Amino acid sequence: MFRKSSSAVYSMQHGQRGMTGLETAIILIAFVTVAAVFGYAILSAGLFSAERSKETIYAGLNEAKSNLEISGSVVAGSADNATVDKIIFTVKNAIAGNPIDMTPNSDATLGQNKCVISLTTAESYINNIKWSRQDLGCSNGNNLLETGEQFEITLNLNDLGVGQTMSDNLTANTYFTVQVKPAVGSTITIQRQLPPAINSIMDLH
């Protein structure tokens, strides 16, 4: 009885061999290598995402620091008390940020402007019109709108540029839109309606 049991155990174990220490080490090294590769891939993806997020944040801050805003009222002027012939407004930096190139699109600097101004009426859309600039208060005299400076922008509706004409005049109760589009930063949109009576100077709130 004892001999048969021993023979059965021997038959079960016959032909089987144990795992050596070298094989175990190879398997462990393989697992560690695969885990390291996956870990490096995940870490690289995380670093790339973090870098892209940082670039996006910096780009957003740069845009925000290069924004214009209207300072004060928008004024319309008329020489004949019937139609508007000029629009005047003042701009400044929205926050203490980067200088903004405000080279005017006038006779002396025609085609050199980076800030583009457009005019829209009920029947006309005119892009990149002529405009002039006057420094107000403290200014270093260059074309860069810097912190603490203010520029007065004037649109002469009788001279919008070569080949630029309006098919309709700005008269009483009419609407118009002016867009100021700097090279960097957001666009300023000025929408106003003229009063029922046209005067020589009108403060359009």
Protein backbone atom coordinates (compact mmCIF):
# COMPACT_ATOMS: atom_id res chain seq x y z
CA MET A 1 0.00 0.00 0.00
CA PHE A 2 2.81 2.34 0.95
CA ARG A 3 4.75 1.52 -2.16
CA LYS A 4 1.81 2.29 -4.44
CA SER A 5 1.28 5.70 -2.81
CA SER A 6 4.95 6.64 -3.20
CA SER A 7 4.91 5.54 -6.80
CA ALA A 8 1.86 7.71 -7.51
CA VAL A 9 3.53 10.79 -6.00
CA TYR A 10 6.67 10.11 -8.01
CA SER A 11 4.63 9.81 -11.20
CA MET A 12 2.96 13.19 -10.55
CA GLN A 13 6.27 14.95 -10.03
CA HIS A 14 8.14 13.17 -12.81
CA GLY A 15 9.12 15.50 -15.66
CA GLN A 16 8.55 18.74 -13.68
CA ARG A 17 11.38 21.08 -12.82
CA GLY A 18 11.59 24.05 -10.49
CA MET A 19 12.10 27.72 -11.51
CA THR A 20 15.67 28.88 -11.08
CA GLY A 21 16.73 32.16 -9.53
CA LEU A 22 17.96 33.47 -12.91
CA GLU A 23 14.58 32.96 -14.54
CA THR A 24 12.86 34.70 -11.66
CA ALA A 25 15.23 37.63 -11.97
CA ILE A 26 14.62 37.89 -15.72
CA ILE A 27 10.83 37.97 -15.21
CA LEU A 28 11.12 40.60 -12.47
CA ILE A 29 13.40 42.72 -14.66
CA ALA A 30 10.88 42.45 -17.52
CA PHE A 31 8.05 43.60 -15.26
CA VAL A 32 10.12 46.48 -13.89
CA THR A 33 11.16 47.56 -17.41
CA VAL A 34 7.58 47.56 -18.69
CA ALA A 35 6.41 49.48 -15.62
CA ALA A 36 9.22 52.02 -16.09
CA VAL A 37 8.31 52.53 -19.76
CA PHE A 38 4.63 53.11 -18.92
CA GLY A 39 5.59 55.36 -16.03
CA TYR A 40 7.86 57.45 -18.25
CA ALA A 41 5.13 57.73 -20.90
CA ILE A 42 2.58 58.90 -18.34
CA LEU A 43 5.06 61.33 -16.77
CA SER A 44 5.99 62.76 -20.19
CA ALA A 45 2.32 63.24 -21.07
CA GLY A 46 1.75 65.02 -17.78
CA LEU A 47 4.75 67.32 -18.27
CA PHE A 48 3.65 68.10 -21.84
CA SER A 49 0.12 68.96 -20.68
CA ALA A 50 1.47 71.14 -17.89
CA GLU A 51 3.76 72.97 -20.34
CA ARG A 52 0.92 73.57 -22.79
CA SER A 53 -1.28 74.85 -19.97
CA LYS A 54 1.46 77.24 -18.88
CA GLU A 55 1.85 78.54 -22.44
CA THR A 56 -1.91 79.06 -22.68
CA ILE A 57 -1.98 80.98 -19.40
CA TYR A 58 0.93 83.20 -20.43
CA ALA A 59 -0.67 83.86 -23.83
CA GLY A 60 -3.93 84.83 -22.10
CA LEU A 61 -2.09 87.16 -19.73
CA ASN A 62 -0.26 88.77 -22.65
CA GLU A 63 -3.58 89.36 -24.44
CA ALA A 64 -5.15 90.81 -21.29
CA LYS A 65 -2.16 93.12 -20.75
CA SER A 66 -2.48 94.46 -24.31
CA ASN A 67 -6.12 95.53 -24.22
CA LEU A 68 -7.46 98.99 -24.98
CA GLU A 69 -10.41 100.68 -23.37
CA ILE A 70 -12.41 103.84 -24.01
CA SER A 71 -11.60 106.70 -21.66
CA GLY A 72 -14.48 109.13 -21.30
CA SER A 73 -17.16 109.95 -23.85
CA VAL A 74 -17.51 109.50 -27.59
CA VAL A 75 -17.99 112.89 -29.27
CA ALA A 76 -19.50 113.58 -32.69
CA GLY A 77 -19.06 116.84 -34.54
CA SER A 78 -20.92 118.54 -37.38
CA ALA A 79 -20.02 121.57 -39.47
CA ASP A 80 -23.49 122.11 -40.93
CA ASN A 81 -25.71 120.83 -38.08
CA ALA A 82 -27.18 118.29 -40.52
CA THR A 83 -24.65 115.49 -40.93
CA VAL A 84 -21.79 114.23 -38.75
CA ASP A 85 -18.35 114.83 -40.21
CA LYS A 86 -16.09 113.70 -37.36
CA ILE A 87 -16.04 111.24 -34.48
CA ILE A 88 -13.66 111.67 -31.55
CA PHE A 89 -12.87 109.30 -28.66
CA THR A 90 -9.99 108.66 -26.25
CA VAL A 91 -8.26 105.34 -25.57
CA LYS A 92 -5.90 104.08 -22.87
CA ASN A 93 -4.45 100.80 -21.62
CA ALA A 94 -7.08 98.69 -19.88
CA ILE A 95 -4.56 97.63 -17.23
CA ALA A 96 -0.94 98.44 -16.48
CA GLY A 97 0.35 96.24 -19.25
CA ASN A 98 2.28 96.07 -22.49
CA PRO A 99 2.66 99.09 -24.80
CA ILE A 100 0.28 99.07 -27.78
CA ASP A 101 1.35 100.32 -31.20
CA MET A 102 -1.00 103.17 -32.13
CA THR A 103 0.74 104.45 -35.25
CA PRO A 104 -2.03 106.43 -36.98
CA ASN A 105 -3.31 105.70 -40.47
CA SER A 106 -2.87 109.30 -41.61
CA ASP A 107 -1.21 111.04 -44.56
CA ALA A 108 2.27 110.94 -42.99
CA THR A 109 2.08 107.30 -41.89
CA LEU A 110 -0.35 105.86 -44.43
CA GLY A 111 -0.15 102.07 -44.53
CA GLN A 112 2.19 101.87 -41.52
CA ASN A 113 -0.55 101.42 -38.91
CA LYS A 114 -0.90 98.19 -36.96
CA CYS A 115 -4.11 99.28 -35.26
CA VAL A 116 -6.98 99.04 -37.76
CA ILE A 117 -10.22 101.03 -37.38
CA SER A 118 -13.43 100.23 -39.24
CA LEU A 119 -16.72 102.12 -39.58
CA THR A 120 -20.12 100.50 -40.07
CA THR A 121 -23.38 102.32 -40.86
CA ALA A 122 -26.77 101.16 -42.07
CA GLU A 123 -25.52 100.92 -45.66
CA SER A 124 -21.72 100.98 -45.47
CA TYR A 125 -18.85 98.99 -44.03
CA ILE A 126 -15.43 100.59 -44.45
CA ASN A 127 -12.37 98.82 -43.05
CA ASN A 128 -8.94 100.30 -42.30
CA ILE A 129 -10.07 103.89 -42.58
CA LYS A 130 -7.82 106.89 -42.06
CA TRP A 131 -7.53 108.19 -38.51
CA SER A 132 -5.38 110.67 -36.64
CA ARG A 133 -4.07 110.73 -33.09
CA GLN A 134 -3.30 113.41 -30.53
CA ASP A 135 -1.47 112.78 -27.27
CA LEU A 136 -3.28 113.94 -24.14
CA GLY A 137 -1.54 114.78 -20.89
CA CYS A 138 1.66 112.93 -20.03
CA SER A 139 3.26 111.34 -23.10
CA ASN A 140 6.76 110.52 -24.36
CA GLY A 141 5.79 111.46 -27.92
CA ASN A 142 6.13 108.05 -29.61
CA ASN A 143 3.43 105.89 -31.19
CA LEU A 144 3.27 103.41 -28.31
CA LEU A 145 0.34 103.72 -25.93
CA GLU A 146 1.93 103.00 -22.58
CA THR A 147 0.73 102.92 -19.00
CA GLY A 148 -0.50 106.34 -17.88
CA GLU A 149 -0.86 107.69 -21.43
CA GLN A 150 -4.05 108.59 -23.31
CA PHE A 151 -4.50 109.11 -27.04
CA GLU A 152 -7.35 111.05 -28.63
CA ILE A 153 -8.48 109.37 -31.87
CA THR A 154 -10.22 111.44 -34.56
CA LEU A 155 -12.12 110.03 -37.55
CA ASN A 156 -12.69 112.52 -40.37
CA LEU A 157 -15.74 111.16 -42.19
CA ASN A 158 -15.01 113.44 -45.15
CA ASP A 159 -11.62 111.78 -45.67
CA LEU A 160 -11.68 108.05 -44.90
CA GLY A 161 -8.83 107.16 -47.26
CA VAL A 162 -8.19 106.58 -50.94
CA GLY A 163 -11.28 104.99 -52.46
CA GLN A 164 -13.01 104.88 -49.07
CA THR A 165 -16.39 106.62 -49.13
CA MET A 166 -19.68 106.24 -47.31
CA SER A 167 -22.81 105.57 -49.30
CA ASP A 168 -24.91 107.19 -46.58
CA ASN A 169 -24.43 110.13 -44.22
CA LEU A 170 -24.74 110.05 -40.46
CA THR A 171 -27.82 112.10 -39.74
CA ALA A 172 -30.30 112.41 -36.87
CA ASN A 173 -31.32 109.20 -35.09
CA THR A 174 -28.98 107.00 -37.15
CA TYR A 175 -26.74 104.29 -35.69
CA PHE A 176 -23.06 103.70 -36.36
CA THR A 177 -20.40 101.29 -35.13
CA VAL A 178 -16.67 101.91 -34.84
CA GLN A 179 -14.28 99.02 -34.20
CA VAL A 180 -10.73 99.59 -33.00
CA LYS A 181 -8.62 96.50 -33.69
CA PRO A 182 -5.08 96.56 -32.27
CA ALA A 183 -2.46 94.09 -33.49
CA VAL A 184 -2.47 92.37 -30.07
CA GLY A 185 -5.39 92.29 -27.68
CA SER A 186 -9.14 92.41 -27.99
CA THR A 187 -11.20 94.64 -30.28
CA ILE A 188 -13.05 97.69 -28.94
CA THR A 189 -16.57 98.04 -30.34
CA ILE A 190 -18.23 101.46 -30.09
CA GLN A 191 -21.95 101.50 -30.95
CA ARG A 192 -23.83 104.79 -30.75
CA GLN A 193 -27.06 106.41 -31.94
CA LEU A 194 -27.13 110.05 -32.95
CA PRO A 195 -29.65 112.35 -31.21
CA PRO A 196 -32.83 113.66 -32.88
CA ALA A 197 -31.16 117.02 -33.51
CA ILE A 198 -27.64 117.35 -34.93
CA ASN A 199 -25.49 119.98 -33.21
CA SER A 200 -21.93 121.12 -33.79
CA ILE A 201 -20.70 119.06 -30.81
CA MET A 202 -22.56 116.06 -29.37
CA ASP A 203 -21.58 113.92 -26.40
CA LEU A 204 -22.75 110.39 -27.26
CA HIS A 205 -23.05 108.60 -23.95
